[in-house]
C-alpha atoms as a PDB file:
ATOM      1  CA  MET A   1      64.459 156.672 124.472  1.00  0.00           C
ATOM      2  CA  ILE A   2      67.735 158.359 124.394  1.00  0.00           C
ATOM      3  CA  ASN A   3      68.958 156.593 127.515  1.00  0.00           C
ATOM      4  CA  ILE A   4      67.967 153.198 126.081  1.00  0.00           C
ATOM      5  CA  PHE A   5      70.078 153.845 123.028  1.00  0.00           C
ATOM      6  CA  ARG A   6      73.016 155.287 124.954  1.00  0.00           C
ATOM      7  CA  LYS A   7      72.878 152.032 127.050  1.00  0.00           C
ATOM      8  CA  TRP A   8      72.823 149.627 123.965  1.00  0.00           C
ATOM      9  CA  TYR A   9      75.620 151.789 122.323  1.00  0.00           C
ATOM     10  CA  ASP A  10      77.539 151.534 125.621  1.00  0.00           C
ATOM     11  CA  ARG A  11      77.288 148.006 125.709  1.00  0.00           C
ATOM     12  CA  TYR A  12      78.008 146.936 122.192  1.00  0.00           C
ATOM     13  CA  LEU A  13      79.813 149.872 120.581  1.00  0.00           C
ATOM     14  CA  SER A  14      81.924 151.321 123.321  1.00  0.00           C
ATOM     15  CA  ASP A  15      85.264 150.418 121.870  1.00  0.00           C
ATOM     16  CA  GLU A  16      86.924 151.072 118.612  1.00  0.00           C
ATOM     17  CA  GLU A  17      87.315 147.553 117.443  1.00  0.00           C
ATOM     18  CA  SER A  18      83.393 146.915 117.782  1.00  0.00           C
ATOM     19  CA  VAL A  19      82.742 149.966 115.504  1.00  0.00           C
ATOM     20  CA  LEU A  20      85.282 148.889 113.032  1.00  0.00           C
ATOM     21  CA  LEU A  21      83.771 145.153 112.770  1.00  0.00           C
ATOM     22  CA  LEU A  22      80.206 146.661 112.295  1.00  0.00           C
ATOM     23  CA  VAL A  23      81.437 148.913 109.522  1.00  0.00           C
ATOM     24  CA  ILE A  24      83.395 146.053 107.756  1.00  0.00           C
ATOM     25  CA  LEU A  25      80.221 143.848 107.968  1.00  0.00           C
ATOM     26  CA  VAL A  26      77.772 146.571 106.810  1.00  0.00           C
ATOM     27  CA  VAL A  27      80.079 147.486 103.952  1.00  0.00           C
ATOM     28  CA  SER A  28      80.640 143.773 103.006  1.00  0.00           C
ATOM     29  CA  LEU A  29      77.062 143.100 102.873  1.00  0.00           C
ATOM     30  CA  VAL A  30      76.274 146.387 100.922  1.00  0.00           C
ATOM     31  CA  LEU A  31      79.004 145.405  98.395  1.00  0.00           C
ATOM     32  CA  LEU A  32      77.736 141.759  97.897  1.00  0.00           C
ATOM     33  CA  ALA A  33      74.331 142.950  97.511  1.00  0.00           C
ATOM     34  CA  ALA A  34      75.213 145.707  94.843  1.00  0.00           C
ATOM     35  CA  VAL A  35      78.244 144.579  92.846  1.00  0.00           C
ATOM     36  CA  GLY A  36      78.460 140.995  94.179  1.00  0.00           C
ATOM     37  CA  GLN A  37      78.192 139.624  90.281  1.00  0.00           C
ATOM     38  CA  ILE A  38      81.074 141.670  89.079  1.00  0.00           C
ATOM     39  CA  PHE A  39      83.589 140.111  91.692  1.00  0.00           C
ATOM     40  CA  THR A  40      82.095 136.639  90.980  1.00  0.00           C
ATOM     41  CA  PRO A  41      85.579 135.355  89.226  1.00  0.00           C
ATOM     42  CA  ILE A  42      87.552 136.731  92.359  1.00  0.00           C
ATOM     43  CA  PHE A  43      85.090 134.814  94.827  1.00  0.00           C
ATOM     44  CA  VAL A  44      85.549 131.646  92.653  1.00  0.00           C
ATOM     45  CA  ALA A  45      89.211 132.091  92.665  1.00  0.00           C
ATOM     46  CA  VAL A  46      89.238 132.569  96.290  1.00  0.00           C
ATOM     47  CA  VAL A  47      87.010 129.224  97.116  1.00  0.00           C
ATOM     48  CA  LEU A  48      89.418 127.338  94.794  1.00  0.00           C
ATOM     49  CA  ALA A  49      92.510 128.813  96.167  1.00  0.00           C
ATOM     50  CA  TYR A  50      91.208 127.538  99.764  1.00  0.00           C
ATOM     51  CA  LEU A  51      90.665 124.042  98.065  1.00  0.00           C
ATOM     52  CA  MET A  52      94.133 123.937  96.495  1.00  0.00           C
ATOM     53  CA  GLN A  53      95.736 125.249  99.482  1.00  0.00           C
ATOM     54  CA  GLY A  54      95.085 121.915 101.445  1.00  0.00           C
ATOM     55  CA  VAL A  55      96.550 120.236  98.502  1.00  0.00           C
ATOM     56  CA  ALA A  56      99.893 122.411  98.437  1.00  0.00           C
ATOM     57  CA  ASN A  57     100.121 121.964 102.428  1.00  0.00           C
ATOM     58  CA  GLN A  58     100.081 118.120 101.784  1.00  0.00           C
ATOM     59  CA  LEU A  59     102.828 118.660  99.163  1.00  0.00           C
ATOM     60  CA  TYR A  60     104.814 120.760 101.650  1.00  0.00           C
ATOM     61  CA  ALA A  61     104.435 117.944 104.085  1.00  0.00           C
ATOM     62  CA  TRP A  62     105.775 115.448 101.616  1.00  0.00           C
ATOM     63  CA  GLY A  63     108.951 117.770 101.232  1.00  0.00           C
ATOM     64  CA  LEU A  64     108.448 119.642  98.295  1.00  0.00           C
ATOM     65  CA  SER A  65     109.373 123.366  98.434  1.00  0.00           C
ATOM     66  CA  THR A  66     106.909 126.183  98.552  1.00  0.00           C
ATOM     67  CA  ARG A  67     107.465 127.073  95.041  1.00  0.00           C
ATOM     68  CA  ILE A  68     107.124 123.820  93.545  1.00  0.00           C
ATOM     69  CA  GLY A  69     104.130 122.858  95.771  1.00  0.00           C
ATOM     70  CA  VAL A  70     102.368 125.808  94.290  1.00  0.00           C
ATOM     71  CA  TRP A  71     103.238 125.329  90.833  1.00  0.00           C
ATOM     72  CA  VAL A  72     102.104 121.210  91.297  1.00  0.00           C
ATOM     73  CA  ALA A  73      98.872 122.396  93.013  1.00  0.00           C
ATOM     74  CA  THR A  74      97.995 124.824  90.256  1.00  0.00           C
ATOM     75  CA  LEU A  75      98.766 122.246  87.481  1.00  0.00           C
ATOM     76  CA  MET A  76      96.447 119.679  89.307  1.00  0.00           C
ATOM     77  CA  PHE A  77      93.727 122.419  89.374  1.00  0.00           C
ATOM     78  CA  THR A  78      93.942 123.529  85.811  1.00  0.00           C
ATOM     79  CA  SER A  79      93.831 120.012  84.546  1.00  0.00           C
ATOM     80  CA  ALA A  80      90.781 119.228  86.734  1.00  0.00           C
ATOM     81  CA  PHE A  81      89.165 122.469  85.682  1.00  0.00           C
ATOM     82  CA  PHE A  82      89.453 121.912  82.079  1.00  0.00           C
ATOM     83  CA  ALA A  83      88.473 118.197  82.127  1.00  0.00           C
ATOM     84  CA  PHE A  84      85.452 119.477  83.902  1.00  0.00           C
ATOM     85  CA  ILE A  85      84.837 121.987  81.382  1.00  0.00           C
ATOM     86  CA  LEU A  86      85.552 119.989  78.344  1.00  0.00           C
ATOM     87  CA  GLY A  87      84.768 116.435  79.383  1.00  0.00           C
ATOM     88  CA  LEU A  88      81.770 116.620  81.882  1.00  0.00           C
ATOM     89  CA  LEU A  89      79.729 119.716  80.875  1.00  0.00           C
ATOM     90  CA  PRO A  90      79.365 118.564  77.264  1.00  0.00           C
ATOM     91  CA  LEU A  91      78.021 115.091  78.408  1.00  0.00           C
ATOM     92  CA  VAL A  92      75.474 116.796  80.816  1.00  0.00           C
ATOM     93  CA  TRP A  93      74.254 119.252  78.126  1.00  0.00           C
ATOM     94  CA  ARG A  94      73.772 116.471  75.619  1.00  0.00           C
ATOM     95  CA  GLN A  95      71.523 114.553  78.106  1.00  0.00           C
ATOM     96  CA  LEU A  96      69.730 117.717  79.110  1.00  0.00           C
ATOM     97  CA  ALA A  97      68.977 118.353  75.821  1.00  0.00           C
ATOM     98  CA  SER A  98      67.682 114.742  75.125  1.00  0.00           C
ATOM     99  CA  LEU A  99      65.687 115.084  78.441  1.00  0.00           C
ATOM    100  CA  ALA A 100      64.078 118.296  77.110  1.00  0.00           C
ATOM    101  CA  ARG A 101      63.191 116.343  73.993  1.00  0.00           C
ATOM    102  CA  GLU A 102      61.471 113.416  75.666  1.00  0.00           C
ATOM    103  CA  ALA A 103      59.732 115.625  78.283  1.00  0.00           C
ATOM    104  CA  PRO A 104      56.434 116.066  76.358  1.00  0.00           C
ATOM    105  CA  ALA A 105      56.123 112.208  75.914  1.00  0.00           C
ATOM    106  CA  MET A 106      56.876 111.863  79.613  1.00  0.00           C
ATOM    107  CA  VAL A 107      54.184 114.243  80.510  1.00  0.00           C
ATOM    108  CA  GLU A 108      51.754 112.176  78.413  1.00  0.00           C
ATOM    109  CA  ARG A 109      52.755 108.967  80.122  1.00  0.00           C
ATOM    110  CA  GLY A 110      52.107 110.784  83.436  1.00  0.00           C
ATOM    111  CA  ARG A 111      48.532 111.840  82.470  1.00  0.00           C
ATOM    112  CA  ALA A 112      47.879 108.465  81.311  1.00  0.00           C
ATOM    113  CA  ALA A 113      49.001 107.048  84.822  1.00  0.00           C
ATOM    114  CA  LEU A 114      47.111 109.687  86.667  1.00  0.00           C
ATOM    115  CA  SER A 115      43.859 108.880  84.708  1.00  0.00           C
ATOM    116  CA  VAL A 116      42.907 105.826  86.659  1.00  0.00           C
ATOM    117  CA  LEU A 117      42.757 107.804  90.033  1.00  0.00           C
ATOM    118  CA  PRO A 118      39.415 109.648  89.330  1.00  0.00           C
ATOM    119  CA  GLU A 119      38.184 106.290  89.007  1.00  0.00           C
ATOM    120  CA  LYS A 120      39.328 104.772  92.171  1.00  0.00           C
ATOM    121  CA  TYR A 121      39.143 108.068  94.395  1.00  0.00           C
ATOM    122  CA  PRO A 122      36.183 110.103  92.804  1.00  0.00           C
ATOM    123  CA  ALA A 123      35.734 111.986  96.048  1.00  0.00           C
ATOM    124  CA  ILE A 124      39.058 113.231  96.124  1.00  0.00           C
ATOM    125  CA  ILE A 125      40.181 113.842  92.599  1.00  0.00           C
ATOM    126  CA  THR A 126      38.544 114.556  89.347  1.00  0.00           C
ATOM    127  CA  GLN A 127      39.450 114.275  85.648  1.00  0.00           C
ATOM    128  CA  GLU A 128      39.133 118.062  85.428  1.00  0.00           C
ATOM    129  CA  GLN A 129      41.808 118.720  88.044  1.00  0.00           C
ATOM    130  CA  ILE A 130      44.298 116.277  86.441  1.00  0.00           C
ATOM    131  CA  ASN A 131      43.871 117.873  82.980  1.00  0.00           C
ATOM    132  CA  LEU A 132      44.256 121.367  84.719  1.00  0.00           C
ATOM    133  CA  ALA A 133      47.308 120.195  86.402  1.00  0.00           C
ATOM    134  CA  MET A 134      48.985 118.681  83.299  1.00  0.00           C
ATOM    135  CA  ASN A 135      48.071 121.585  81.098  1.00  0.00           C
ATOM    136  CA  SER A 136      49.814 123.637  83.566  1.00  0.00           C
ATOM    137  CA  VAL A 137      53.048 121.560  83.537  1.00  0.00           C
ATOM    138  CA  GLN A 138      52.909 121.441  79.794  1.00  0.00           C
ATOM    139  CA  GLY A 139      52.874 125.289  79.598  1.00  0.00           C
ATOM    140  CA  ASP A 140      55.676 125.660  82.232  1.00  0.00           C
ATOM    141  CA  MET A 141      57.800 123.348  80.292  1.00  0.00           C
ATOM    142  CA  ALA A 142      57.010 125.280  76.860  1.00  0.00           C
ATOM    143  CA  GLN A 143      57.976 128.510  78.431  1.00  0.00           C
ATOM    144  CA  LEU A 144      61.199 126.801  79.841  1.00  0.00           C
ATOM    145  CA  GLY A 145      62.095 125.646  76.500  1.00  0.00           C
ATOM    146  CA  GLN A 146      61.508 128.904  75.065  1.00  0.00           C
ATOM    147  CA  LEU A 147      63.392 130.376  77.822  1.00  0.00           C
ATOM    148  CA  LEU A 148      66.438 128.128  77.040  1.00  0.00           C
ATOM    149  CA  VAL A 149      66.502 128.873  73.343  1.00  0.00           C
ATOM    150  CA  THR A 150      66.218 132.691  73.994  1.00  0.00           C
ATOM    151  CA  LYS A 151      68.832 132.584  76.523  1.00  0.00           C
ATOM    152  CA  GLY A 152      71.035 130.473  74.391  1.00  0.00           C
ATOM    153  CA  PHE A 153      71.006 133.035  71.628  1.00  0.00           C
ATOM    154  CA  SER A 154      71.377 135.844  73.889  1.00  0.00           C
ATOM    155  CA  SER A 155      74.177 134.477  75.716  1.00  0.00           C
ATOM    156  CA  ILE A 156      76.316 134.223  72.567  1.00  0.00           C
ATOM    157  CA  PRO A 157      78.269 137.551  73.301  1.00  0.00           C
ATOM    158  CA  GLY A 158      78.801 136.198  76.950  1.00  0.00           C
ATOM    159  CA  LEU A 159      80.811 133.352  75.529  1.00  0.00           C
ATOM    160  CA  LEU A 160      84.008 135.722  75.206  1.00  0.00           C
ATOM    161  CA  ALA A 161      83.578 136.457  78.834  1.00  0.00           C
ATOM    162  CA  VAL A 162      83.462 132.821  79.642  1.00  0.00           C
ATOM    163  CA  LEU A 163      86.670 132.275  77.807  1.00  0.00           C
ATOM    164  CA  VAL A 164      88.274 135.096  79.715  1.00  0.00           C
ATOM    165  CA  TYR A 165      87.264 133.892  82.960  1.00  0.00           C
ATOM    166  CA  MET A 166      88.628 130.359  81.916  1.00  0.00           C
ATOM    167  CA  VAL A 167      91.727 132.057  81.583  1.00  0.00           C
ATOM    168  CA  LEU A 168      91.909 134.472  84.562  1.00  0.00           C
ATOM    169  CA  THR A 169      90.530 131.867  87.012  1.00  0.00           C
ATOM    170  CA  PRO A 170      93.590 129.620  87.171  1.00  0.00           C
ATOM    171  CA  LEU A 171      95.733 132.583  86.971  1.00  0.00           C
ATOM    172  CA  MET A 172      94.111 134.250  90.110  1.00  0.00           C
ATOM    173  CA  VAL A 173      94.202 130.875  91.901  1.00  0.00           C
ATOM    174  CA  PHE A 174      97.982 130.707  91.218  1.00  0.00           C
ATOM    175  CA  PHE A 175      98.666 134.133  92.514  1.00  0.00           C
ATOM    176  CA  PHE A 176      96.357 133.588  95.702  1.00  0.00           C
ATOM    177  CA  LEU A 177      98.550 130.568  96.486  1.00  0.00           C
ATOM    178  CA  LYS A 178     101.831 131.979  95.671  1.00  0.00           C
ATOM    179  CA  ASP A 179     101.316 135.570  97.203  1.00  0.00           C
ATOM    180  CA  ARG A 180      98.843 134.630 100.226  1.00  0.00           C
ATOM    181  CA  ASP A 181     101.035 136.168 102.881  1.00  0.00           C
ATOM    182  CA  GLN A 182     101.525 139.278 100.867  1.00  0.00           C
ATOM    183  CA  ILE A 183      97.790 139.780  99.964  1.00  0.00           C
ATOM    184  CA  LEU A 184      96.761 139.133 103.558  1.00  0.00           C
ATOM    185  CA  GLY A 185      99.531 141.611 104.912  1.00  0.00           C
ATOM    186  CA  TRP A 186      98.238 144.368 102.621  1.00  0.00           C
ATOM    187  CA  ALA A 187      94.596 143.885 103.683  1.00  0.00           C
ATOM    188  CA  THR A 188      95.469 143.982 107.337  1.00  0.00           C
ATOM    189  CA  SER A 189      97.600 147.081 106.966  1.00  0.00           C
ATOM    190  CA  PHE A 190      94.370 149.096 106.937  1.00  0.00           C
ATOM    191  CA  LEU A 191      93.398 147.673 110.282  1.00  0.00           C
ATOM    192  CA  PRO A 192      94.556 148.830 113.689  1.00  0.00           C
ATOM    193  CA  ALA A 193      97.581 147.183 114.999  1.00  0.00           C
ATOM    194  CA  GLU A 194      95.841 146.157 118.292  1.00  0.00           C
ATOM    195  CA  ARG A 195      92.741 143.822 117.074  1.00  0.00           C
ATOM    196  CA  PRO A 196      92.541 140.836 119.385  1.00  0.00           C
ATOM    197  CA  MET A 197      88.753 140.437 118.645  1.00  0.00           C
ATOM    198  CA  LEU A 198      89.140 140.581 114.916  1.00  0.00           C
ATOM    199  CA  SER A 199      92.147 138.423 114.841  1.00  0.00           C
ATOM    200  CA  ARG A 200      90.077 135.650 117.050  1.00  0.00           C
ATOM    201  CA  ILE A 201      87.279 135.751 114.797  1.00  0.00           C
ATOM    202  CA  TRP A 202      89.279 135.894 111.604  1.00  0.00           C
ATOM    203  CA  SER A 203      91.480 132.726 112.726  1.00  0.00           C
ATOM    204  CA  GLU A 204      88.231 130.826 113.663  1.00  0.00           C
ATOM    205  CA  MET A 205      86.585 131.699 110.428  1.00  0.00           C
ATOM    206  CA  ASN A 206      89.665 131.170 108.293  1.00  0.00           C
ATOM    207  CA  LEU A 207      89.826 127.631 109.582  1.00  0.00           C
ATOM    208  CA  GLN A 208      85.925 127.159 109.342  1.00  0.00           C
ATOM    209  CA  PHE A 209      85.891 128.302 105.523  1.00  0.00           C
ATOM    210  CA  ALA A 210      88.868 126.194 104.621  1.00  0.00           C
ATOM    211  CA  ASN A 211      87.501 123.083 106.265  1.00  0.00           C
ATOM    212  CA  TYR A 212      83.901 123.739 104.886  1.00  0.00           C
ATOM    213  CA  VAL A 213      85.272 124.360 101.372  1.00  0.00           C
ATOM    214  CA  ARG A 214      87.558 121.475 101.041  1.00  0.00           C
ATOM    215  CA  GLY A 215      84.985 119.077 102.810  1.00  0.00           C
ATOM    216  CA  LYS A 216      81.923 120.258 100.746  1.00  0.00           C
ATOM    217  CA  VAL A 217      84.022 119.955  97.404  1.00  0.00           C
ATOM    218  CA  ILE A 218      85.146 116.499  98.508  1.00  0.00           C
ATOM    219  CA  GLU A 219      81.311 115.639  99.330  1.00  0.00           C
ATOM    220  CA  ILE A 220      80.209 116.887  95.892  1.00  0.00           C
ATOM    221  CA  ILE A 221      82.768 114.818  93.975  1.00  0.00           C
ATOM    222  CA  LEU A 222      82.237 111.422  96.020  1.00  0.00           C
ATOM    223  CA  VAL A 223      78.418 111.796  96.335  1.00  0.00           C
ATOM    224  CA  GLY A 224      78.342 112.784  92.516  1.00  0.00           C
ATOM    225  CA  GLY A 225      80.664 109.982  91.471  1.00  0.00           C
ATOM    226  CA  VAL A 226      79.047 107.126  93.513  1.00  0.00           C
ATOM    227  CA  SER A 227      75.679 108.378  92.099  1.00  0.00           C
ATOM    228  CA  TYR A 228      76.701 108.173  88.666  1.00  0.00           C
ATOM    229  CA  ALA A 229      78.277 104.703  89.029  1.00  0.00           C
ATOM    230  CA  ALA A 230      75.219 103.507  90.643  1.00  0.00           C
ATOM    231  CA  PHE A 231      72.833 104.992  87.904  1.00  0.00           C
ATOM    232  CA  ALA A 232      75.215 103.681  85.144  1.00  0.00           C
ATOM    233  CA  PHE A 233      75.318 100.345  86.511  1.00  0.00           C
ATOM    234  CA  LEU A 234      71.499 100.117  86.905  1.00  0.00           C
ATOM    235  CA  GLY A 235      70.864 101.252  83.341  1.00  0.00           C
ATOM    236  CA  LEU A 236      69.186 104.578  84.535  1.00  0.00           C
ATOM    237  CA  ASN A 237      68.958 107.250  81.703  1.00  0.00           C
ATOM    238  CA  TYR A 238      70.554 110.606  82.050  1.00  0.00           C
ATOM    239  CA  ALA A 239      72.868 109.000  84.432  1.00  0.00           C
ATOM    240  CA  ALA A 240      75.488 111.892  84.372  1.00  0.00           C
ATOM    241  CA  LEU A 241      73.015 114.638  84.466  1.00  0.00           C
ATOM    242  CA  LEU A 242      71.126 113.141  87.583  1.00  0.00           C
ATOM    243  CA  ALA A 243      74.509 112.258  89.147  1.00  0.00           C
ATOM    244  CA  LEU A 244      75.590 115.941  88.864  1.00  0.00           C
ATOM    245  CA  LEU A 245      72.340 117.100  90.376  1.00  0.00           C
ATOM    246  CA  VAL A 246      72.624 114.610  93.335  1.00  0.00           C
ATOM    247  CA  GLY A 247      76.300 115.945  93.748  1.00  0.00           C
ATOM    248  CA  LEU A 248      75.411 119.642  93.785  1.00  0.00           C
ATOM    249  CA  SER A 249      72.263 118.871  95.987  1.00  0.00           C
ATOM    250  CA  VAL A 250      74.610 118.627  98.990  1.00  0.00           C
ATOM    251  CA  ILE A 251      75.178 122.317  98.759  1.00  0.00           C
ATOM    252  CA  ILE A 252      71.919 123.010  99.996  1.00  0.00           C
ATOM    253  CA  PRO A 253      71.478 121.063 103.364  1.00  0.00           C
ATOM    254  CA  TYR A 254      68.080 119.402 103.888  1.00  0.00           C
ATOM    255  CA  ILE A 255      66.562 121.066 100.913  1.00  0.00           C
ATOM    256  CA  GLY A 256      68.919 120.091  98.191  1.00  0.00           C
ATOM    257  CA  ALA A 257      68.364 116.261  98.874  1.00  0.00           C
ATOM    258  CA  THR A 258      64.452 116.805  99.008  1.00  0.00           C
ATOM    259  CA  LEU A 259      64.349 118.514  95.619  1.00  0.00           C
ATOM    260  CA  VAL A 260      66.697 116.331  93.697  1.00  0.00           C
ATOM    261  CA  THR A 261      64.782 113.215  94.689  1.00  0.00           C
ATOM    262  CA  ILE A 262      62.056 114.351  92.361  1.00  0.00           C
ATOM    263  CA  PRO A 263      63.737 114.130  89.063  1.00  0.00           C
ATOM    264  CA  VAL A 264      65.469 110.930  89.881  1.00  0.00           C
ATOM    265  CA  VAL A 265      62.203 109.227  90.904  1.00  0.00           C
ATOM    266  CA  ALA A 266      60.348 110.640  87.793  1.00  0.00           C
ATOM    267  CA  VAL A 267      63.153 109.548  85.420  1.00  0.00           C
ATOM    268  CA  ALA A 268      63.103 105.947  86.774  1.00  0.00           C
ATOM    269  CA  PHE A 269      59.408 105.805  86.803  1.00  0.00           C
ATOM    270  CA  PHE A 270      58.900 106.809  83.123  1.00  0.00           C
ATOM    271  CA  GLN A 271      61.900 104.352  82.028  1.00  0.00           C
ATOM    272  CA  TRP A 272      60.750 101.342  83.952  1.00  0.00           C
ATOM    273  CA  GLY A 273      57.451 101.995  85.663  1.00  0.00           C
ATOM    274  CA  ILE A 274      56.789 100.282  88.904  1.00  0.00           C
ATOM    275  CA  SER A 275      59.106  97.512  88.353  1.00  0.00           C
ATOM    276  CA  PRO A 276      61.994  95.938  90.060  1.00  0.00           C
ATOM    277  CA  SER A 277      64.439  98.072  88.451  1.00  0.00           C
ATOM    278  CA  PHE A 278      62.397 101.094  89.591  1.00  0.00           C
ATOM    279  CA  TYR A 279      62.785  99.769  93.148  1.00  0.00           C
ATOM    280  CA  TRP A 280      66.619  99.154  92.785  1.00  0.00           C
ATOM    281  CA  VAL A 281      67.113 102.845  91.685  1.00  0.00           C
ATOM    282  CA  LEU A 282      65.080 103.884  94.609  1.00  0.00           C
ATOM    283  CA  GLY A 283      67.067 101.776  97.136  1.00  0.00           C
ATOM    284  CA  ALA A 284      70.449 102.646  95.652  1.00  0.00           C
ATOM    285  CA  TYR A 285      69.610 106.494  95.817  1.00  0.00           C
ATOM    286  CA  ALA A 286      68.350 106.087  99.531  1.00  0.00           C
ATOM    287  CA  VAL A 287      71.557 104.224 100.664  1.00  0.00           C
ATOM    288  CA  ILE A 288      73.770 106.988  99.057  1.00  0.00           C
ATOM    289  CA  GLN A 289      71.641 109.640 100.794  1.00  0.00           C
ATOM    290  CA  LEU A 290      71.910 107.740 104.380  1.00  0.00           C
ATOM    291  CA  LEU A 291      75.540 106.981 103.882  1.00  0.00           C
ATOM    292  CA  ASP A 292      76.039 110.800 102.880  1.00  0.00           C
ATOM    293  CA  GLY A 293      74.150 111.892 106.032  1.00  0.00           C
ATOM    294  CA  ASN A 294      75.419 109.657 108.571  1.00  0.00           C
ATOM    295  CA  VAL A 295      78.846 108.628 107.513  1.00  0.00           C
ATOM    296  CA  LEU A 296      80.406 110.996 105.010  1.00  0.00           C
ATOM    297  CA  VAL A 297      79.324 114.482 106.616  1.00  0.00           C
ATOM    298  CA  PRO A 298      80.216 113.483 110.246  1.00  0.00           C
ATOM    299  CA  LEU A 299      83.636 112.434 108.821  1.00  0.00           C
ATOM    300  CA  LEU A 300      84.131 115.634 106.576  1.00  0.00           C
ATOM    301  CA  PHE A 301      82.851 118.180 109.100  1.00  0.00           C
ATOM    302  CA  SER A 302      83.532 117.005 112.387  1.00  0.00           C
ATOM    303  CA  GLU A 303      85.320 120.240 113.463  1.00  0.00           C
ATOM    304  CA  ALA A 304      82.325 122.438 112.113  1.00  0.00           C
ATOM    305  CA  VAL A 305      80.411 124.168 114.641  1.00  0.00           C
ATOM    306  CA  ASN A 306      76.914 122.932 115.122  1.00  0.00           C
ATOM    307  CA  LEU A 307      74.027 124.778 114.055  1.00  0.00           C
ATOM    308  CA  HIS A 308      70.356 124.357 114.520  1.00  0.00           C
ATOM    309  CA  PRO A 309      68.299 123.078 111.275  1.00  0.00           C
ATOM    310  CA  VAL A 310      66.206 126.368 111.719  1.00  0.00           C
ATOM    311  CA  ALA A 311      69.395 128.549 111.501  1.00  0.00           C
ATOM    312  CA  ILE A 312      70.761 126.745 108.416  1.00  0.00           C
ATOM    313  CA  ILE A 313      67.413 127.000 106.553  1.00  0.00           C
ATOM    314  CA  VAL A 314      67.054 130.705 107.543  1.00  0.00           C
ATOM    315  CA  ALA A 315      70.999 131.309 106.578  1.00  0.00           C
ATOM    316  CA  VAL A 316      70.248 129.375 103.368  1.00  0.00           C
ATOM    317  CA  LEU A 317      67.308 131.760 102.596  1.00  0.00           C
ATOM    318  CA  PHE A 318      68.849 135.024 103.632  1.00  0.00           C
ATOM    319  CA  PHE A 319      72.214 134.647 102.203  1.00  0.00           C
ATOM    320  CA  GLY A 320      70.905 132.978  98.945  1.00  0.00           C
ATOM    321  CA  GLY A 321      68.631 135.955  98.282  1.00  0.00           C
ATOM    322  CA  VAL A 322      71.530 138.369  99.010  1.00  0.00           C
ATOM    323  CA  TRP A 323      74.292 136.607  97.150  1.00  0.00           C
ATOM    324  CA  GLY A 324      72.609 134.113  94.901  1.00  0.00           C
ATOM    325  CA  VAL A 325      74.306 130.703  94.301  1.00  0.00           C
ATOM    326  CA  TRP A 326      77.476 131.578  96.335  1.00  0.00           C
ATOM    327  CA  GLY A 327      75.203 132.662  99.249  1.00  0.00           C
ATOM    328  CA  VAL A 328      73.666 129.354  99.139  1.00  0.00           C
ATOM    329  CA  PHE A 329      77.139 127.420  98.997  1.00  0.00           C
ATOM    330  CA  PHE A 330      78.533 129.536 102.092  1.00  0.00           C
ATOM    331  CA  ALA A 331      75.423 129.714 103.907  1.00  0.00           C
ATOM    332  CA  ILE A 332      76.704 127.556 106.634  1.00  0.00           C
ATOM    333  CA  PRO A 333      80.052 129.109 107.398  1.00  0.00           C
ATOM    334  CA  LEU A 334      78.476 132.779 107.015  1.00  0.00           C
ATOM    335  CA  ALA A 335      75.862 131.590 109.789  1.00  0.00           C
ATOM    336  CA  THR A 336      78.908 130.417 111.849  1.00  0.00           C
ATOM    337  CA  LEU A 337      80.608 133.796 111.351  1.00  0.00           C
ATOM    338  CA  VAL A 338      77.476 135.693 112.687  1.00  0.00           C
ATOM    339  CA  SER A 339      77.401 133.346 115.666  1.00  0.00           C
ATOM    340  CA  ALA A 340      81.037 133.819 116.083  1.00  0.00           C
ATOM    341  CA  ILE A 341      80.625 137.445 115.964  1.00  0.00           C
ATOM    342  CA  VAL A 342      77.788 137.487 118.400  1.00  0.00           C
ATOM    343  CA  SER A 343      79.492 135.500 120.898  1.00  0.00           C
ATOM    344  CA  ALA A 344      82.769 137.508 120.655  1.00  0.00           C
ATOM    345  CA  TRP A 345      81.224 140.730 120.881  1.00  0.00           C
ATOM    346  CA  PRO A 346      80.284 140.915 124.476  1.00  0.00           C
ATOM    347  CA  THR A 347      83.491 138.678 125.474  1.00  0.00           C
ATOM    348  CA  ALA A 348      85.686 141.480 123.981  1.00  0.00           C
ATOM    349  CA  ARG A 349      83.877 143.851 126.013  1.00  0.00           C
ATOM    350  CA  ASN A 350      83.962 141.925 129.554  1.00  0.00           C
ATOM    351  CA  GLU A 351      87.616 141.465 128.836  1.00  0.00           C
ATOM    352  CA  GLN A 352      88.231 144.978 128.574  1.00  0.00           C
ATOM    353  CA  GLN A 353      86.119 145.764 131.668  1.00  0.00           C
ATOM    354  CA  THR A 354      88.085 143.082 133.745  1.00  0.00           C
END
């Protein structure tokens, strides 16, 4: 048994850089799982800095100086940030409150629509099963409403923290853009001077994260914006709320689009029933999903590393459980990081032996 572990150690941890990389990975995972919520504003600022760095780079290409480019990019971000906070969120909240008020009536209409099934298919479903299912739905909705009220009152002290974050986040984005080289230089000063494997992995993942963040934000904006335009044009209720859900659904590959289909179909059904308007909404939603999956995603993520769907789903479940929403958002680049590390580890060892 000792010989087996010794061979494994000699194969994968025989050089200093491999041990250092292992320590960095373990410490990072422990910190994310233990105190990840505390550093959430910093993670948000880093993500937004990656996004705005692309804007700053384009401004540099147009001839603006570094200082002016950083200021313009920060101003653009701050304007979009407060427009989202003060413009879109209140509209979505009003529609969510309206949906919560109408939910009991929707449940009753659903019960009436399902009541004909026992007559048509008595061997498959009974009236008792329908009543049990609808009562369960009503109970869950009542608990959800009570939870929202409780959370609403209990979160009042947290409003001060939200206001602080609204000020700190733009400031951190500005300094991450302005002092990027100094911050990276300080972080790398703790690493060995000779680090070919770490440098190779960092270069690959820096590009991967930047492309993913910028592409995913563009995808969310385009899919959400087109969905809102389509839903509003067709007269669908809660267009802003549903469009926001459709836009955010692209964060979770495969699973998000499936889950968000339920509220879209449900709202359209309870508004119009089985009618031409219902089919128009379903058709528009299907076209949006097809264009997103077959046109937009290949254009935005053409340089992304291909991962098997099973690997993506496992990454979403694992990193989402460890890091919550941000783990879900970064599931694909983190899975790519794991793949890059696995492929680079023996490569570095072989290069040193040769």
